[in-house]
N, C-alpha and C. Protein backbone atom coordinates (compact mmCIF):
# COMPACT_ATOMS: atom_id res chain seq x y z
N MET A 1 1.79 -1.16 0.42
CA MET A 1 -0.48 -0.62 -0.33
C MET A 1 0.90 1.35 -0.07
N LYS A 2 0.11 2.06 -0.69
CA LYS A 2 1.54 3.52 -0.93
C LYS A 2 0.38 4.12 0.27
N VAL A 3 1.53 4.68 1.23
CA VAL A 3 1.50 5.70 2.23
C VAL A 3 1.95 7.46 2.41
N LEU A 4 1.27 8.11 2.94
CA LEU A 4 1.78 9.59 3.25
C LEU A 4 2.37 9.17 4.46
N VAL A 5 3.15 9.80 4.65
CA VAL A 5 3.76 9.44 6.38
C VAL A 5 3.94 11.53 6.74
N ASP A 6 3.20 11.39 7.87
CA ASP A 6 2.59 13.05 8.39
C ASP A 6 4.29 13.18 9.16
N THR A 7 4.22 14.59 9.01
CA THR A 7 5.65 15.00 9.87
C THR A 7 5.84 14.62 11.20
N HIS A 8 4.82 15.31 11.36
CA HIS A 8 5.04 14.32 13.15
C HIS A 8 4.90 12.57 13.44
N THR A 9 4.64 12.33 12.30
CA THR A 9 4.28 10.91 12.65
C THR A 9 6.64 10.00 12.35
N PHE A 10 7.01 11.05 10.84
CA PHE A 10 8.69 10.52 11.33
C PHE A 10 8.97 10.86 12.06
N LEU A 11 8.95 12.17 12.03
CA LEU A 11 9.79 12.40 13.94
C LEU A 11 9.48 11.97 15.19
N TRP A 12 7.93 11.20 15.64
CA TRP A 12 7.94 10.42 16.62
C TRP A 12 8.77 9.18 16.77
N ASP A 13 8.62 8.56 15.31
CA ASP A 13 9.63 7.44 14.93
C ASP A 13 11.11 7.48 15.16
N LEU A 14 11.87 8.40 14.93
CA LEU A 14 13.56 8.59 14.70
C LEU A 14 13.43 9.25 16.15
N LEU A 15 12.54 9.69 16.75
CA LEU A 15 12.90 9.86 18.92
C LEU A 15 12.29 9.56 19.32
N SER A 16 11.42 7.61 18.38
CA SER A 16 11.61 7.00 19.63
C SER A 16 10.30 7.58 20.49
N ASP A 17 9.94 8.38 20.21
CA ASP A 17 9.02 9.05 21.11
C ASP A 17 7.69 8.41 21.71
N HIS A 18 6.87 8.20 22.81
CA HIS A 18 6.17 6.55 23.07
C HIS A 18 4.50 6.90 22.22
N ARG A 19 4.32 8.81 21.54
CA ARG A 19 2.81 9.02 21.18
C ARG A 19 3.12 7.71 19.55
N SER A 20 4.50 7.29 19.60
CA SER A 20 3.45 6.85 18.08
C SER A 20 3.05 5.18 18.24
N SER A 21 1.97 5.28 18.34
CA SER A 21 1.39 3.64 17.87
C SER A 21 2.33 2.46 16.75
N ARG A 22 1.89 1.75 17.92
CA ARG A 22 2.32 -0.08 17.26
C ARG A 22 1.65 0.21 15.94
N ARG A 23 1.24 0.51 15.44
CA ARG A 23 0.63 0.17 13.50
C ARG A 23 1.76 1.16 12.88
N ALA A 24 1.74 2.91 13.33
CA ALA A 24 2.59 3.77 13.08
C ALA A 24 3.86 2.57 12.63
N LYS A 25 4.39 2.56 13.91
CA LYS A 25 5.87 1.69 13.81
C LYS A 25 5.66 0.23 13.29
N GLN A 26 5.18 -0.10 13.12
CA GLN A 26 5.53 -1.70 11.76
C GLN A 26 5.11 -0.98 10.64
N MET A 27 3.76 -0.14 10.03
CA MET A 27 4.30 0.73 8.53
C MET A 27 5.54 0.91 7.96
N LEU A 28 5.97 1.74 8.76
CA LEU A 28 7.09 2.53 8.65
C LEU A 28 8.87 1.91 8.31
N LYS A 29 8.69 0.32 9.09
CA LYS A 29 9.76 -0.58 9.61
C LYS A 29 9.25 -1.57 8.22
N SER A 30 8.22 -1.93 7.75
CA SER A 30 8.15 -2.58 6.91
C SER A 30 8.20 -2.16 5.32
N ASP A 31 8.34 -3.73 4.59
CA ASP A 31 8.51 -3.72 3.09
C ASP A 31 7.80 -3.45 2.65
N GLU A 32 6.60 -3.95 3.02
CA GLU A 32 5.12 -4.04 2.07
C GLU A 32 4.20 -2.18 1.85
N HIS A 33 4.74 -1.73 2.97
CA HIS A 33 4.94 -0.07 1.88
C HIS A 33 5.10 0.18 1.21
N GLU A 34 4.80 1.23 0.28
CA GLU A 34 5.37 1.64 -0.29
C GLU A 34 5.53 4.01 0.54
N LEU A 35 6.38 4.10 0.89
CA LEU A 35 6.03 5.03 1.98
C LEU A 35 6.47 6.70 1.09
N TYR A 36 6.22 7.57 1.30
CA TYR A 36 6.20 8.96 0.59
C TYR A 36 5.97 9.99 1.90
N PHE A 37 7.48 10.39 1.80
CA PHE A 37 7.09 12.14 2.91
C PHE A 37 7.60 13.22 1.88
N SER A 38 6.05 14.02 2.44
CA SER A 38 6.32 15.70 1.47
C SER A 38 7.14 16.76 1.71
N LEU A 39 7.53 16.33 0.25
CA LEU A 39 8.58 17.69 0.17
C LEU A 39 8.02 19.56 0.94
N VAL A 40 6.56 19.27 1.61
CA VAL A 40 6.67 20.35 2.05
C VAL A 40 6.86 19.72 3.82
N SER A 41 6.83 18.80 4.36
CA SER A 41 6.77 18.13 5.84
C SER A 41 8.98 18.85 6.13
N LEU A 42 9.66 18.74 4.46
CA LEU A 42 11.44 18.71 4.40
C LEU A 42 11.11 20.14 4.86
N TRP A 43 10.36 21.23 4.31
CA TRP A 43 10.20 22.43 4.38
C TRP A 43 10.13 23.12 6.14
N GLU A 44 9.27 22.29 6.35
CA GLU A 44 8.58 22.29 8.22
C GLU A 44 9.33 22.17 8.45
N PHE A 45 10.25 20.99 8.68
CA PHE A 45 11.63 20.65 9.42
C PHE A 45 12.18 21.74 9.65
N ALA A 46 12.64 22.20 8.36
CA ALA A 46 13.86 22.91 8.16
C ALA A 46 13.39 24.62 8.29
N ILE A 47 12.44 25.33 8.45
CA ILE A 47 11.66 25.56 9.60
C ILE A 47 12.19 25.99 10.78
N LYS A 48 11.55 24.29 11.18
CA LYS A 48 11.90 24.53 13.09
C LYS A 48 13.48 24.67 13.41
N ILE A 49 13.69 22.98 12.53
CA ILE A 49 14.87 23.58 13.00
C ILE A 49 15.55 25.13 12.70
N LYS A 50 16.21 25.82 12.24
CA LYS A 50 16.37 26.76 11.93
C LYS A 50 16.14 28.10 13.36
N THR A 51 14.81 28.06 13.63
CA THR A 51 14.20 28.80 14.86
C THR A 51 14.38 28.01 16.07
N GLY A 52 15.14 26.97 16.31
CA GLY A 52 15.42 26.58 17.45
C GLY A 52 14.24 25.61 18.46
N LYS A 53 13.28 24.88 17.26
CA LYS A 53 12.61 23.48 17.98
C LYS A 53 12.33 22.88 17.47
N LEU A 54 13.45 22.69 16.93
CA LEU A 54 14.05 21.29 16.74
C LEU A 54 15.62 20.38 16.98
N ASN A 55 15.73 21.00 18.14
CA ASN A 55 17.36 20.83 18.53
C ASN A 55 18.08 19.33 18.41
N VAL A 56 16.84 18.10 18.69
CA VAL A 56 16.87 17.24 18.95
C VAL A 56 17.80 16.42 17.16
N LEU A 57 17.39 17.30 15.87
CA LEU A 57 17.45 16.44 14.72
C LEU A 57 19.16 17.15 14.79
N GLY A 58 19.55 18.01 15.21
CA GLY A 58 20.52 18.46 15.21
C GLY A 58 20.44 20.11 13.98
N SER A 59 21.47 20.62 13.46
CA SER A 59 21.69 21.34 12.37
C SER A 59 21.36 21.53 10.76
N SER A 60 20.47 20.35 10.26
CA SER A 60 19.84 20.35 9.00
C SER A 60 19.19 18.80 8.09
N VAL A 61 18.15 19.25 7.24
CA VAL A 61 17.30 18.69 6.97
C VAL A 61 18.07 17.72 6.16
N SER A 62 19.15 17.60 6.34
CA SER A 62 20.23 16.64 4.70
C SER A 62 20.08 15.03 5.99
N TYR A 63 20.68 15.35 7.25
CA TYR A 63 20.17 14.51 8.26
C TYR A 63 18.76 13.30 7.98
N LEU A 64 17.75 14.46 8.01
CA LEU A 64 16.27 14.03 7.94
C LEU A 64 16.89 13.30 6.77
N ARG A 65 17.23 14.08 5.43
CA ARG A 65 16.52 13.07 3.93
C ARG A 65 17.62 11.78 4.11
N ASP A 66 18.88 12.03 4.71
CA ASP A 66 19.37 10.13 4.66
C ASP A 66 19.07 9.41 5.35
N GLU A 67 17.93 9.81 6.42
CA GLU A 67 17.15 8.98 6.97
C GLU A 67 15.40 8.08 6.38
N MET A 68 15.50 9.64 5.97
CA MET A 68 14.31 9.26 5.19
C MET A 68 14.83 7.77 3.57
N GLU A 69 15.65 8.28 3.40
CA GLU A 69 16.52 7.05 2.68
C GLU A 69 16.85 5.83 3.67
N ASN A 70 17.01 5.51 4.60
CA ASN A 70 17.11 4.95 5.18
C ASN A 70 15.49 3.60 5.66
N TYR A 71 14.45 4.51 6.34
CA TYR A 71 13.29 4.03 6.17
C TYR A 71 12.75 3.61 4.43
N SER A 72 13.34 4.12 3.67
CA SER A 72 12.98 3.69 1.77
C SER A 72 11.85 4.64 1.53
N MET A 73 11.74 5.79 1.83
CA MET A 73 10.69 7.00 1.90
C MET A 73 10.80 7.89 0.60
N GLN A 74 9.99 7.73 -0.25
CA GLN A 74 10.00 8.51 -1.68
C GLN A 74 9.65 10.29 -0.98
N LEU A 75 10.38 10.89 -1.75
CA LEU A 75 9.92 12.30 -1.19
C LEU A 75 9.00 12.25 -2.60
N LEU A 76 7.57 13.25 -2.03
CA LEU A 76 6.85 13.56 -3.00
C LEU A 76 6.75 15.21 -3.72
N PRO A 77 7.37 15.52 -4.51
CA PRO A 77 6.77 16.32 -4.64
C PRO A 77 5.49 17.47 -4.41
N ILE A 78 5.91 18.26 -4.28
CA ILE A 78 4.64 19.97 -4.55
C ILE A 78 3.99 20.20 -5.76
N ARG A 79 2.74 19.68 -6.57
CA ARG A 79 2.64 19.90 -7.61
C ARG A 79 1.51 20.55 -7.56
N TYR A 80 1.86 22.01 -8.86
CA TYR A 80 0.37 22.71 -9.56
C TYR A 80 -0.77 21.72 -8.35
N GLN A 81 -1.05 20.89 -9.40
CA GLN A 81 -2.55 20.69 -8.83
C GLN A 81 -2.65 20.26 -7.16
N HIS A 82 -1.34 19.78 -6.47
CA HIS A 82 -1.29 20.37 -4.74
C HIS A 82 -2.03 21.07 -4.29
N ILE A 83 -1.41 22.06 -4.65
CA ILE A 83 -1.91 23.99 -5.02
C ILE A 83 -3.28 24.43 -5.34
N LEU A 84 -3.72 23.07 -6.44
CA LEU A 84 -5.63 23.90 -6.38
C LEU A 84 -5.94 23.07 -5.76
N ALA A 85 -6.09 21.81 -5.92
CA ALA A 85 -6.78 21.21 -4.64
C ALA A 85 -6.51 21.55 -2.91
N LEU A 86 -5.44 22.22 -2.67
CA LEU A 86 -5.29 23.47 -1.34
C LEU A 86 -6.30 24.41 -1.14
N GLU A 87 -6.71 24.72 -2.60
CA GLU A 87 -7.12 26.42 -2.70
C GLU A 87 -9.04 25.63 -2.41
N THR A 88 -9.07 24.56 -2.49
CA THR A 88 -10.39 24.30 -2.87
C THR A 88 -11.01 23.89 -0.90
N LEU A 89 -9.77 23.77 -0.10
CA LEU A 89 -10.19 22.49 0.97
C LEU A 89 -10.96 23.48 2.21
N PRO A 90 -11.51 23.61 2.60
CA PRO A 90 -12.59 23.80 3.69
C PRO A 90 -11.89 23.88 5.07
N ALA A 91 -12.03 25.34 5.72
CA ALA A 91 -10.94 25.35 6.73
C ALA A 91 -10.28 24.56 8.00
N HIS A 92 -10.81 23.25 8.27
CA HIS A 92 -10.51 22.79 9.13
C HIS A 92 -9.75 22.62 9.51
N HIS A 93 -8.93 22.49 9.20
CA HIS A 93 -7.81 22.85 10.08
C HIS A 93 -6.79 23.91 9.11
N SER A 94 -5.82 24.75 10.12
CA SER A 94 -5.19 25.95 10.33
C SER A 94 -3.80 25.89 10.16
N ASP A 95 -3.15 24.66 9.98
CA ASP A 95 -1.54 24.32 10.37
C ASP A 95 -1.59 24.80 8.34
N PRO A 96 -0.59 25.61 7.55
CA PRO A 96 -0.37 25.69 6.38
C PRO A 96 0.05 23.71 5.83
N PHE A 97 1.28 24.03 6.77
CA PHE A 97 2.24 22.74 6.98
C PHE A 97 1.00 21.38 5.76
N ASP A 98 0.13 21.47 7.16
CA ASP A 98 -1.19 19.77 7.09
C ASP A 98 -1.80 19.88 6.09
N ARG A 99 -2.51 21.64 5.62
CA ARG A 99 -3.48 21.68 4.50
C ARG A 99 -2.80 20.75 3.72
N LEU A 100 -1.84 20.89 3.32
CA LEU A 100 -0.74 21.00 2.04
C LEU A 100 -0.76 19.73 1.46
N LEU A 101 -0.35 18.65 2.74
CA LEU A 101 -0.50 17.44 3.13
C LEU A 101 -1.52 16.86 2.74
N ILE A 102 -3.02 17.23 3.38
CA ILE A 102 -4.18 16.85 2.89
C ILE A 102 -3.96 16.90 1.50
N ALA A 103 -4.19 18.53 0.35
CA ALA A 103 -4.21 18.47 -0.37
C ALA A 103 -3.60 17.25 -1.27
N GLN A 104 -1.92 16.96 -0.81
CA GLN A 104 -1.26 16.31 -1.64
C GLN A 104 -2.10 14.85 -1.30
N ALA A 105 -2.32 14.55 -0.54
CA ALA A 105 -3.22 13.05 -0.15
C ALA A 105 -4.41 12.61 -0.76
N ILE A 106 -5.09 14.05 -0.72
CA ILE A 106 -6.94 14.36 -2.16
C ILE A 106 -5.89 13.29 -3.35
N THR A 107 -5.24 14.13 -3.87
CA THR A 107 -4.65 14.47 -4.96
C THR A 107 -4.04 12.90 -5.63
N GLU A 108 -3.76 12.44 -4.65
CA GLU A 108 -2.69 11.42 -4.72
C GLU A 108 -3.71 10.61 -4.46
N SER A 109 -4.20 10.23 -4.27
CA SER A 109 -5.06 8.76 -2.99
C SER A 109 -4.46 8.18 -2.81
N LEU A 110 -3.91 9.25 -1.34
CA LEU A 110 -2.52 8.22 -0.46
C LEU A 110 -3.83 8.92 0.79
N PRO A 111 -3.46 7.32 1.38
CA PRO A 111 -3.78 7.41 2.50
C PRO A 111 -2.74 7.95 2.88
N ILE A 112 -3.48 8.71 4.31
CA ILE A 112 -2.34 9.68 5.68
C ILE A 112 -1.63 8.72 6.89
N LEU A 113 -1.34 8.56 7.24
CA LEU A 113 -0.22 7.86 9.03
C LEU A 113 0.29 9.09 9.68
N THR A 114 -1.46 9.34 10.01
CA THR A 114 -1.38 10.74 11.02
C THR A 114 -1.59 10.71 12.16
N HIS A 115 -2.06 10.95 13.68
CA HIS A 115 -2.38 10.93 14.78
C HIS A 115 -3.04 12.39 14.96
N ASP A 116 -3.27 13.30 13.46
CA ASP A 116 -3.43 14.41 13.92
C ASP A 116 -5.51 14.33 14.07
N GLU A 117 -6.16 14.41 14.21
CA GLU A 117 -7.53 13.89 14.04
C GLU A 117 -8.44 14.95 13.31
N LYS A 118 -7.86 16.63 13.52
CA LYS A 118 -8.20 17.04 11.98
C LYS A 118 -8.28 16.65 10.65
N PHE A 119 -7.47 16.22 10.66
CA PHE A 119 -7.36 15.22 8.91
C PHE A 119 -8.49 14.61 9.23
N SER A 120 -9.03 14.70 9.69
CA SER A 120 -10.51 13.27 9.59
C SER A 120 -11.48 13.94 8.82
N LEU A 121 -11.49 15.01 9.35
CA LEU A 121 -12.53 16.60 8.99
C LEU A 121 -12.58 16.36 7.00
N TYR A 122 -11.35 15.61 6.93
CA TYR A 122 -11.30 16.44 5.67
C TYR A 122 -11.65 14.81 4.65
N PRO A 123 -12.14 14.34 3.55
CA PRO A 123 -11.93 13.30 2.62
C PRO A 123 -10.88 12.71 2.00
N VAL A 124 -9.79 12.39 3.30
CA VAL A 124 -8.35 11.17 2.97
C VAL A 124 -9.17 10.35 4.01
N LYS A 125 -7.97 8.98 4.16
CA LYS A 125 -8.13 7.88 4.71
C LYS A 125 -7.18 8.56 5.63
N ILE A 126 -7.51 7.53 7.02
CA ILE A 126 -6.02 8.20 7.57
C ILE A 126 -5.79 6.80 8.28
N LEU A 127 -4.64 6.74 8.74
CA LEU A 127 -4.46 5.00 9.07
C LEU A 127 -3.07 5.33 10.72
N TRP A 128 -3.12 5.03 11.75
CA TRP A 128 -2.67 5.20 13.16
C TRP A 128 -3.00 4.14 13.35
């Protein structure tokens, strides 16, 4: 199954955070799934690293890109179609990064591996 991995899901697994679900851990480690990580999530990480909100990750997104390869994740670029879908989303979620992830999931017909309950307000399949 193809799956879009939410930013916090990847972060929690990297940090062995107790909030990560058993299913999320299994899916991230399994070879059965085709994992996608959005460019918007790397952008979010870059901002949070630069502002000091994610010091635990070091000083560069290049570390995260290397970790993505260790998880066999493919980078999902931001496409024009994603922006068009974003434009039509209802304002249930205020986070711009999450809104773009939702638009990507809808456009690409991908379920999202996320703990964020607000995602369920949109027509996307949530895995957790």
